């Protein structure tokens, strides 16, 4: 058995593991002794199962749980220190900001009073929390589906402009030039995207001020939380993008009026919004996808023709795709098991995706994401550690565990050579292995829940 893999289905609780074939050999270069060898042909199935690494809970709960844990430690390190980040970072000014999309038409919602009582919706009904109508338009015929899709498609660009303008607003708030502000402080951030019930993306962001050398140095005393919060509010109201199209006209895209900016308190205080709470909140949404709004978690475009509905012959003549009958869709939109509002948004993606001015948005490829094609979680370079560094630490730990389990002596990297070759065979289980893995996953899930509830 080689480090980092689970050769037997009984040890895999993943829904779609990757099947590999190949071999790996560890050799002592000073003596030419083979310390360890492994070949997949010795397995009953002839292949090796390894994790898929998918962050989405709808695709692989096990991998998404690991991704959420890594994201939690990444965010927490940037707030409290650890993972190469000094503990003094917890004294730096930091806020938790939520940037929301604007309104594209009234929708059904569940309103509450300041005291927590439920208020009637505009439709004069009191919706239950699980009501499928929540987030859907009151009048689909007047709802701006085109604007909603274009906002999702440009949400990442709006965020990029937000981070650029934030530096300008912060310098203006301090009464300094951008060059002078850059010499005394830095802005670090980490953000995660979340889908609302109406199918629109909004961002949660941790924003922190550092000194000119990053996390190892605090910002000057006059760079306070209040200054940072004011800069965020001014920045959010300033960011604009203009989209021009002969078919849909000129559209101005911006953030919505609902902006929440709150100070993040240190761990151990009585405040509700602590660094631990923020890290857990961000990690929770890092594993979700657009399916949380009722859409799908798989691409809808026909892969043979790449959603074009036709393939080009060598001399340039288009040939209708036989796989999708020229529609470009892997499955007809009318047959999708989604709500009418979601289907309308997907159809809008498809219609806008054929326009030349929107080809670069790849709306047909990302129709299942309702037009959004950005990363769900991102961070600035100096915020904290990286996911790659956390995975490398885990890989080294597993390597040491495997070495101790097999009784091998500690290896010297200077005299140890690892030679291997792997080929991709496929993904998923065989029918029999799938049943076995499902049973293992169910038992592991019950054990995890039992432990979380205080069991031993």
Protein backbone atom coordinates (compact mmCIF):
# COMPACT_ATOMS: atom_id res chain seq x y z
CA UNK A 1 0.00 0.00 0.00
CA UNK A 2 1.33 3.43 -0.89
CA UNK A 3 0.98 6.57 1.16
CA UNK A 4 -2.03 8.81 0.60
CA UNK A 5 -4.24 6.16 -1.05
CA UNK A 6 -6.89 3.70 0.11
CA UNK A 7 -6.57 0.50 -1.98
CA UNK A 8 -9.73 -1.11 -0.62
CA UNK A 9 -13.33 0.16 -0.94
CA UNK A 10 -13.92 -0.55 2.74
CA UNK A 11 -11.57 2.30 3.57
CA UNK A 12 -13.15 4.79 1.17
CA UNK A 13 -16.18 6.85 2.17
CA UNK A 14 -16.12 8.98 -0.97
CA UNK A 15 -18.94 8.96 -3.49
CA UNK A 16 -16.84 9.25 -6.67
CA UNK A 17 -13.26 8.08 -5.98
CA UNK A 18 -10.67 8.18 -8.73
CA UNK A 19 -9.50 4.79 -10.04
CA UNK A 20 -5.82 4.56 -10.93
CA UNK A 21 -3.57 1.85 -12.30
CA UNK A 22 0.19 1.78 -11.96
CA UNK A 23 2.99 1.13 -9.52
CA UNK A 24 5.32 2.89 -7.10
CA UNK A 25 8.69 1.79 -5.71
CA UNK A 26 10.84 3.31 -2.96
CA UNK A 27 14.58 2.60 -3.34
CA UNK A 28 17.61 3.31 -1.14
CA UNK A 29 20.08 4.80 -3.62
CA UNK A 30 23.12 3.97 -1.49
CA UNK A 31 22.42 0.21 -1.34
CA UNK A 32 19.97 -0.21 -4.25
CA UNK A 33 17.63 -1.91 -1.79
CA UNK A 34 13.92 -1.76 -2.54
CA UNK A 35 12.37 -0.44 0.65
CA UNK A 36 8.79 -0.69 -0.46
CA UNK A 37 6.84 -1.43 -3.61
CA UNK A 38 3.22 -1.41 -4.61
CA UNK A 39 1.41 -2.37 -7.81
CA UNK A 40 -2.29 -2.10 -8.50
CA UNK A 41 -2.48 -5.47 -10.28
CA UNK A 42 -2.22 -7.07 -6.83
CA UNK A 43 -5.56 -5.52 -5.84
CA UNK A 44 -8.77 -7.57 -6.26
CA UNK A 45 -10.16 -4.89 -8.57
CA UNK A 46 -6.86 -4.27 -10.36
CA UNK A 47 -6.98 -0.56 -9.53
CA UNK A 48 -6.27 1.89 -6.73
CA UNK A 49 -8.93 4.17 -5.27
CA UNK A 50 -8.01 7.70 -4.26
CA UNK A 51 -10.01 10.77 -3.29
CA UNK A 52 -11.74 12.94 -5.88
CA UNK A 53 -10.94 16.19 -4.07
CA UNK A 54 -14.29 17.79 -4.97
CA UNK A 55 -15.17 20.64 -2.61
CA UNK A 56 -18.94 20.46 -3.25
CA UNK A 57 -20.97 18.69 -0.58
CA UNK A 58 -23.53 17.64 -3.19
CA UNK A 59 -20.86 15.69 -5.08
CA UNK A 60 -18.68 14.23 -2.30
CA UNK A 61 -19.52 14.83 1.39
CA UNK A 62 -16.21 13.38 2.57
CA UNK A 63 -13.97 15.56 0.39
CA UNK A 64 -16.11 18.65 1.02
CA UNK A 65 -15.81 18.14 4.78
CA UNK A 66 -12.03 18.06 4.46
CA UNK A 67 -12.09 21.17 2.26
CA UNK A 68 -14.26 22.95 4.82
CA UNK A 69 -11.80 22.04 7.59
CA UNK A 70 -8.88 23.39 5.55
CA UNK A 71 -10.79 26.58 4.80
CA UNK A 72 -11.61 27.01 8.49
CA UNK A 73 -7.94 26.78 9.46
CA UNK A 74 -6.93 29.11 6.62
CA UNK A 75 -9.43 31.78 7.69
CA UNK A 76 -8.78 31.30 11.40
CA UNK A 77 -5.01 31.62 10.91
CA UNK A 78 -5.52 35.01 9.29
CA UNK A 79 -7.56 36.16 12.30
CA UNK A 80 -5.86 34.56 15.31
CA UNK A 81 -2.45 33.48 14.05
CA UNK A 82 -0.88 30.08 13.56
CA UNK A 83 0.14 28.22 10.40
CA UNK A 84 3.17 30.57 9.90
CA UNK A 85 1.05 33.63 10.83
CA UNK A 86 2.15 35.43 14.05
CA UNK A 87 -0.33 35.58 16.92
CA UNK A 88 -0.09 39.38 16.97
CA UNK A 89 -2.30 39.48 13.87
CA UNK A 90 -5.34 39.26 16.15
CA UNK A 91 -4.72 42.86 17.21
CA UNK A 92 -4.95 44.17 13.65
CA UNK A 93 -8.14 46.00 12.57
CA UNK A 94 -10.46 43.59 10.72
CA UNK A 95 -14.07 43.58 9.59
CA UNK A 96 -16.52 41.04 8.18
CA UNK A 97 -18.32 42.48 5.16
CA UNK A 98 -21.24 41.09 3.16
CA UNK A 99 -21.72 42.43 -0.37
CA UNK A 100 -25.12 41.66 -1.87
CA UNK A 101 -26.61 41.89 -5.37
CA UNK A 102 -29.18 44.55 -6.24
CA UNK A 103 -32.87 43.92 -6.80
CA UNK A 104 -34.01 42.70 -10.20
CA UNK A 105 -37.66 42.59 -9.20
CA UNK A 106 -39.73 41.79 -6.09
CA UNK A 107 -39.56 38.18 -4.88
CA UNK A 108 -41.35 36.09 -2.28
CA UNK A 109 -39.54 36.27 1.04
CA UNK A 110 -39.95 35.62 4.73
CA UNK A 111 -39.79 38.95 6.51
CA UNK A 112 -39.34 39.36 10.25
CA UNK A 113 -39.74 42.28 12.64
CA UNK A 114 -36.87 43.48 14.91
CA UNK A 115 -38.49 41.37 17.62
CA UNK A 116 -38.36 38.23 15.51
CA UNK A 117 -42.03 38.03 14.56
CA UNK A 118 -42.94 37.00 11.01
CA UNK A 119 -44.31 39.65 8.68
CA UNK A 120 -46.48 38.93 5.64
CA UNK A 121 -44.80 38.78 2.24
CA UNK A 122 -45.88 41.14 -0.53
CA UNK A 123 -48.16 38.35 -1.67
CA UNK A 124 -49.90 38.72 1.74
CA UNK A 125 -48.90 35.24 2.85
CA UNK A 126 -46.73 34.06 5.76
CA UNK A 127 -44.16 31.78 4.15
CA UNK A 128 -42.68 28.86 6.04
CA UNK A 129 -38.86 28.60 6.01
CA UNK A 130 -39.04 25.63 3.62
CA UNK A 131 -41.58 27.21 1.25
CA UNK A 132 -40.42 26.66 -2.35
CA UNK A 133 -41.81 30.08 -3.31
CA UNK A 134 -39.17 31.94 -1.27
CA UNK A 135 -36.75 33.65 -3.66
CA UNK A 136 -38.98 33.33 -6.72
CA UNK A 137 -40.37 36.44 -8.47
CA UNK A 138 -43.81 37.77 -7.60
CA UNK A 139 -44.25 38.45 -11.32
CA UNK A 140 -41.90 36.39 -13.53
CA UNK A 141 -42.95 38.37 -16.61
CA UNK A 142 -41.53 41.64 -15.25
CA UNK A 143 -38.52 40.16 -13.42
CA UNK A 144 -35.20 41.23 -14.96
CA UNK A 145 -33.70 37.80 -15.69
CA UNK A 146 -31.17 39.28 -18.11
CA UNK A 147 -29.83 41.66 -15.46
CA UNK A 148 -29.67 38.87 -12.89
CA UNK A 149 -27.60 36.62 -15.16
CA UNK A 150 -25.29 39.45 -16.20
CA UNK A 151 -24.71 40.32 -12.53
CA UNK A 152 -23.73 36.73 -11.72
CA UNK A 153 -21.46 36.61 -14.76
CA UNK A 154 -19.68 39.84 -13.71
CA UNK A 155 -19.71 39.27 -9.92
CA UNK A 156 -16.02 38.30 -9.87
CA UNK A 157 -15.10 41.40 -11.89
CA UNK A 158 -17.10 43.56 -9.47
CA UNK A 159 -15.18 42.00 -6.58
CA UNK A 160 -11.86 42.70 -8.34
CA UNK A 161 -12.83 46.36 -8.76
CA UNK A 162 -13.95 46.47 -5.13
CA UNK A 163 -10.50 45.36 -3.92
CA UNK A 164 -8.81 47.90 -6.20
CA UNK A 165 -11.02 50.83 -5.16
CA UNK A 166 -10.78 49.88 -1.48
CA UNK A 167 -7.14 50.90 -1.41
CA UNK A 168 -8.08 54.25 -2.92
CA UNK A 169 -10.94 54.83 -0.47
CA UNK A 170 -8.75 53.89 2.48
CA UNK A 171 -6.06 56.33 1.41
CA UNK A 172 -8.67 59.07 0.96
CA UNK A 173 -10.14 58.33 4.39
CA UNK A 174 -6.69 58.74 5.95
CA UNK A 175 -6.04 61.96 4.03
CA UNK A 176 -3.08 60.41 2.21
CA UNK A 177 -2.04 59.65 -1.31
CA UNK A 178 -2.22 56.03 -2.43
CA UNK A 179 1.58 55.89 -2.56
CA UNK A 180 1.91 57.19 0.99
CA UNK A 181 -0.75 54.79 2.27
CA UNK A 182 0.94 51.84 0.54
CA UNK A 183 4.17 52.68 2.36
CA UNK A 184 2.60 52.31 5.82
CA UNK A 185 -0.09 49.63 5.48
CA UNK A 186 -1.45 46.72 3.46
CA UNK A 187 -4.95 45.33 2.93
CA UNK A 188 -5.44 41.57 3.21
CA UNK A 189 -8.68 39.72 2.60
CA UNK A 190 -10.34 36.35 2.18
CA UNK A 191 -13.80 35.93 0.67
CA UNK A 192 -16.33 33.23 -0.08
CA UNK A 193 -19.31 33.28 -2.44
CA UNK A 194 -22.81 32.17 -1.48
CA UNK A 195 -25.99 31.76 -3.51
CA UNK A 196 -29.18 33.38 -2.34
CA UNK A 197 -32.56 31.70 -2.71
CA UNK A 198 -33.26 33.87 -5.74
CA UNK A 199 -30.22 32.42 -7.49
CA UNK A 200 -27.91 35.42 -7.16
CA UNK A 201 -24.39 35.42 -5.79
CA UNK A 202 -23.27 37.49 -2.83
CA UNK A 203 -19.88 37.62 -1.10
CA UNK A 204 -18.79 37.33 2.52
CA UNK A 205 -15.32 38.81 3.09
CA UNK A 206 -12.83 39.08 5.93
CA UNK A 207 -10.85 42.30 5.42
CA UNK A 208 -7.80 43.09 7.55
CA UNK A 209 -5.27 45.92 7.80
CA UNK A 210 -1.57 45.05 8.17
CA UNK A 211 1.64 46.99 8.36
CA UNK A 212 3.91 47.48 5.34
CA UNK A 213 5.59 44.11 6.00
CA UNK A 214 2.35 42.15 6.15
CA UNK A 215 1.13 40.03 9.05
CA UNK A 216 4.30 40.49 11.10
CA UNK A 217 3.69 44.20 11.59
CA UNK A 218 0.56 46.12 12.72
CA UNK A 219 -0.74 49.10 10.77
CA UNK A 220 -0.21 52.62 12.14
CA UNK A 221 -2.49 53.58 15.08
CA UNK A 222 -4.58 55.96 12.99
CA UNK A 223 -5.63 53.09 10.67
CA UNK A 224 -8.54 51.98 12.84
CA UNK A 225 -11.49 49.65 12.39
CA UNK A 226 -13.77 52.66 11.92
CA UNK A 227 -11.62 53.98 9.07
CA UNK A 228 -11.60 50.56 7.43
CA UNK A 229 -15.38 50.14 7.79
CA UNK A 230 -16.04 53.59 6.31
CA UNK A 231 -13.76 52.79 3.37
CA UNK A 232 -15.61 49.53 2.71
CA UNK A 233 -18.98 51.29 2.70
CA UNK A 234 -17.78 54.07 0.41
CA UNK A 235 -16.12 51.56 -1.90
CA UNK A 236 -19.19 49.32 -2.20
CA UNK A 237 -21.36 52.27 -3.26
CA UNK A 238 -18.80 53.43 -5.83
CA UNK A 239 -18.09 50.24 -7.79
CA UNK A 240 -19.81 50.20 -11.17
CA UNK A 241 -19.55 48.23 -14.40
CA UNK A 242 -21.25 48.99 -17.71
CA UNK A 243 -22.27 46.22 -20.08
CA UNK A 244 -23.23 47.16 -23.63
CA UNK A 245 -25.17 45.00 -26.05
CA UNK A 246 -27.29 45.70 -29.11
CA UNK A 247 -29.66 42.92 -28.05
CA UNK A 248 -30.21 43.84 -24.38
CA UNK A 249 -29.11 47.46 -24.34
CA UNK A 250 -26.76 49.13 -21.88
CA UNK A 251 -26.71 47.76 -18.34
CA UNK A 252 -25.00 49.21 -15.28
CA UNK A 253 -23.99 46.58 -12.74
CA UNK A 254 -23.31 47.40 -9.09
CA UNK A 255 -23.64 46.02 -5.58
CA UNK A 256 -26.98 46.15 -3.83
CA UNK A 257 -28.00 48.57 -1.10
CA UNK A 258 -27.93 45.92 1.62
CA UNK A 259 -24.36 46.11 2.89
CA UNK A 260 -23.28 44.67 6.24
CA UNK A 261 -19.91 45.65 7.73
CA UNK A 262 -19.11 44.51 11.27
CA UNK A 263 -15.98 44.45 13.41
CA UNK A 264 -14.55 41.02 14.18
CA UNK A 265 -13.87 40.68 17.91
CA UNK A 266 -11.08 38.60 19.40
CA UNK A 267 -11.76 35.04 20.55
CA UNK A 268 -12.79 34.79 24.19
CA UNK A 269 -14.82 38.01 24.21
CA UNK A 270 -18.57 38.23 24.72
CA UNK A 271 -19.12 39.61 21.21
CA UNK A 272 -21.22 37.55 18.81
CA UNK A 273 -18.89 37.96 15.83
CA UNK A 274 -15.58 36.44 16.93
CA UNK A 275 -12.74 35.14 14.79
CA UNK A 276 -13.80 31.56 15.50
CA UNK A 277 -17.42 32.25 14.49
CA UNK A 278 -16.35 33.98 11.27
CA UNK A 279 -13.99 31.14 10.30
CA UNK A 280 -16.73 28.57 10.86
CA UNK A 281 -19.23 30.65 8.90
CA UNK A 282 -16.93 31.06 5.90
CA UNK A 283 -15.94 27.38 5.91
CA UNK A 284 -19.61 26.40 5.94
CA UNK A 285 -20.31 28.16 2.65
CA UNK A 286 -17.01 27.23 0.98
CA UNK A 287 -18.36 23.73 0.22
CA UNK A 288 -21.71 24.81 -1.17
CA UNK A 289 -22.52 25.44 -4.79
CA UNK A 290 -25.35 26.81 -6.89
CA UNK A 291 -27.42 23.71 -6.08
CA UNK A 292 -28.19 25.40 -2.73
CA UNK A 293 -30.48 27.71 -4.74
CA UNK A 294 -32.23 24.78 -6.41
CA UNK A 295 -30.17 24.40 -9.57
CA UNK A 296 -27.83 21.59 -10.67
CA UNK A 297 -24.25 20.71 -9.83
CA UNK A 298 -23.24 19.46 -13.29
CA UNK A 299 -22.66 21.17 -16.61
CA UNK A 300 -25.58 21.26 -19.03
CA UNK A 301 -23.76 21.85 -22.31
CA UNK A 302 -23.15 19.01 -24.76
CA UNK A 303 -19.49 18.05 -24.50
CA UNK A 304 -19.01 16.63 -28.04
CA UNK A 305 -19.96 19.98 -29.60
CA UNK A 306 -19.04 22.14 -26.56
CA UNK A 307 -22.56 23.56 -26.45
CA UNK A 308 -22.42 24.96 -29.98
CA UNK A 309 -24.93 22.50 -31.43
CA UNK A 310 -22.60 21.68 -34.31
CA UNK A 311 -19.05 20.61 -35.05
CA UNK A 312 -16.89 22.05 -37.80
CA UNK A 313 -15.64 19.86 -40.60
CA UNK A 314 -12.02 20.29 -41.80
CA UNK A 315 -13.12 22.71 -44.55
CA UNK A 316 -15.19 24.78 -42.08
CA UNK A 317 -18.69 23.50 -42.82
CA UNK A 318 -20.81 23.11 -39.67
CA UNK A 319 -22.19 19.64 -39.06
CA UNK A 320 -25.17 19.37 -36.66
CA UNK A 321 -24.23 17.49 -33.50
CA UNK A 322 -25.97 14.12 -33.31
CA UNK A 323 -25.42 13.81 -29.55
CA UNK A 324 -27.69 16.79 -28.74
CA UNK A 325 -29.66 17.07 -32.01
CA UNK A 326 -28.18 20.50 -32.61
CA UNK A 327 -29.41 22.07 -29.34
CA UNK A 328 -26.02 22.17 -27.62
CA UNK A 329 -27.70 20.84 -24.47
CA UNK A 330 -26.74 17.57 -22.80
CA UNK A 331 -30.34 17.40 -21.55
CA UNK A 332 -33.25 19.47 -22.87
CA UNK A 333 -33.92 22.40 -20.56
CA UNK A 334 -37.60 21.50 -20.41
CA UNK A 335 -36.72 18.17 -18.80
CA UNK A 336 -34.55 19.56 -16.00
CA UNK A 337 -35.79 18.68 -12.52
CA UNK A 338 -35.63 22.27 -11.27
CA UNK A 339 -38.11 24.97 -10.29
CA UNK A 340 -39.59 27.23 -12.95
CA UNK A 341 -37.57 30.24 -11.74
CA UNK A 342 -34.28 28.33 -11.96
CA UNK A 343 -35.18 26.98 -15.40
CA UNK A 344 -35.89 30.52 -16.55
CA UNK A 345 -32.47 31.66 -15.36
CA UNK A 346 -30.76 28.73 -17.07
CA UNK A 347 -32.66 29.45 -20.29
CA UNK A 348 -31.59 33.10 -20.07
CA UNK A 349 -27.96 31.94 -19.80
CA UNK A 350 -28.48 29.86 -22.92
CA UNK A 351 -30.04 32.70 -24.90
CA UNK A 352 -27.43 35.27 -23.88
CA UNK A 353 -24.63 32.76 -24.52
CA UNK A 354 -25.32 32.80 -28.27
CA UNK A 355 -24.73 36.57 -28.54
CA UNK A 356 -21.22 37.46 -29.85
CA UNK A 357 -20.73 40.20 -27.23
CA UNK A 358 -21.21 37.67 -24.41
CA UNK A 359 -19.18 34.76 -25.79
CA UNK A 360 -16.30 35.54 -23.40
CA UNK A 361 -18.65 35.02 -20.44
CA UNK A 362 -19.12 31.33 -21.40
CA UNK A 363 -22.71 31.47 -20.21
CA UNK A 364 -23.69 28.16 -21.79
CA UNK A 365 -20.84 26.34 -20.10
CA UNK A 366 -21.77 27.88 -16.74
CA UNK A 367 -25.54 27.81 -17.16
CA UNK A 368 -25.82 25.28 -14.32
CA UNK A 369 -24.16 27.90 -12.08
CA UNK A 370 -26.65 30.52 -13.28
CA UNK A 371 -23.86 32.41 -15.05
CA UNK A 372 -21.35 32.64 -12.19
CA UNK A 373 -17.98 31.15 -13.15
CA UNK A 374 -15.69 32.55 -10.46
CA UNK A 375 -13.94 30.80 -7.59
CA UNK A 376 -16.08 30.25 -4.52
CA UNK A 377 -13.27 31.06 -2.09
CA UNK A 378 -10.28 33.32 -2.72
CA UNK A 379 -7.79 35.26 -0.64
CA UNK A 380 -5.03 37.79 -1.03
CA UNK A 381 -1.50 36.43 -1.06
CA UNK A 382 -0.51 37.77 2.36
CA UNK A 383 -3.72 36.93 4.24
CA UNK A 384 -2.49 33.64 5.76
CA UNK A 385 -1.30 30.21 4.72
CA UNK A 386 -2.49 28.42 1.58
CA UNK A 387 -4.60 25.33 0.96
CA UNK A 388 -1.60 23.77 -0.79
CA UNK A 389 0.54 24.21 2.34
CA UNK A 390 -2.15 22.63 4.52
CA UNK A 391 -2.45 19.68 2.13
CA UNK A 392 1.33 19.22 2.11
CA UNK A 393 1.35 19.05 5.92
CA UNK A 394 -1.38 16.41 5.82
CA UNK A 395 0.47 14.44 3.13
CA UNK A 396 3.67 14.46 5.22
CA UNK A 397 1.72 13.30 8.28
CA UNK A 398 0.13 10.44 6.34
CA UNK A 399 3.52 9.46 4.93
CA UNK A 400 4.95 9.24 8.43
CA UNK A 401 1.93 7.26 9.65
CA UNK A 402 2.34 4.77 6.80
CA UNK A 403 6.07 4.46 7.47
CA UNK A 404 5.50 3.77 11.16
CA UNK A 405 2.75 1.25 10.35
CA UNK A 406 4.98 -0.74 8.01
CA UNK A 407 7.95 -0.63 10.40
CA UNK A 408 10.29 0.98 7.90
CA UNK A 409 13.20 3.13 9.15
CA UNK A 410 13.05 6.88 8.69
CA UNK A 411 14.01 7.74 5.14
CA UNK A 412 16.65 10.26 4.17
CA UNK A 413 15.45 12.43 1.26
CA UNK A 414 19.04 12.62 0.01
CA UNK A 415 19.35 8.84 -0.34
CA UNK A 416 15.75 7.79 -1.01
CA UNK A 417 14.31 7.64 -4.51
CA UNK A 418 10.62 7.16 -5.22
CA UNK A 419 9.76 5.95 -8.72
CA UNK A 420 6.20 5.49 -9.87
CA UNK A 421 3.83 5.64 -12.79
CA UNK A 422 0.07 6.16 -12.65
CA UNK A 423 -2.66 6.12 -15.29
CA UNK A 424 -6.21 7.35 -14.93
CA UNK A 425 -8.68 4.47 -15.30
CA UNK A 426 -11.96 6.14 -14.39
CA UNK A 427 -14.03 7.43 -11.52
CA UNK A 428 -16.66 5.88 -9.30
CA UNK A 429 -17.21 2.36 -7.98
CA UNK A 430 -18.29 -0.85 -9.54
CA UNK A 431 -21.91 -1.75 -8.62
CA UNK A 432 -20.85 -4.09 -5.83
CA UNK A 433 -18.20 -1.77 -4.43
CA UNK A 434 -20.67 1.13 -4.53
CA UNK A 435 -23.06 -0.71 -2.20
CA UNK A 436 -20.21 -1.56 0.16
CA UNK A 437 -18.90 2.02 0.15
CA UNK A 438 -22.39 3.41 0.77
CA UNK A 439 -22.71 1.20 3.85
CA UNK A 440 -19.29 2.30 5.11
CA UNK A 441 -20.16 5.97 4.52
CA UNK A 442 -23.45 5.58 6.40
CA UNK A 443 -21.75 3.99 9.40
CA UNK A 444 -19.02 6.65 9.42
CA UNK A 445 -21.64 9.40 9.24
CA UNK A 446 -23.54 7.95 12.20
CA UNK A 447 -20.31 7.72 14.18
CA UNK A 448 -19.42 11.33 13.31
CA UNK A 449 -22.85 12.57 14.39
CA UNK A 450 -22.65 10.55 17.60
CA UNK A 451 -19.27 12.09 18.42
CA UNK A 452 -20.50 15.61 17.57
CA UNK A 453 -23.40 15.17 19.99
CA UNK A 454 -21.04 14.36 22.85
CA UNK A 455 -20.83 10.59 22.51
CA UNK A 456 -17.65 8.72 23.24
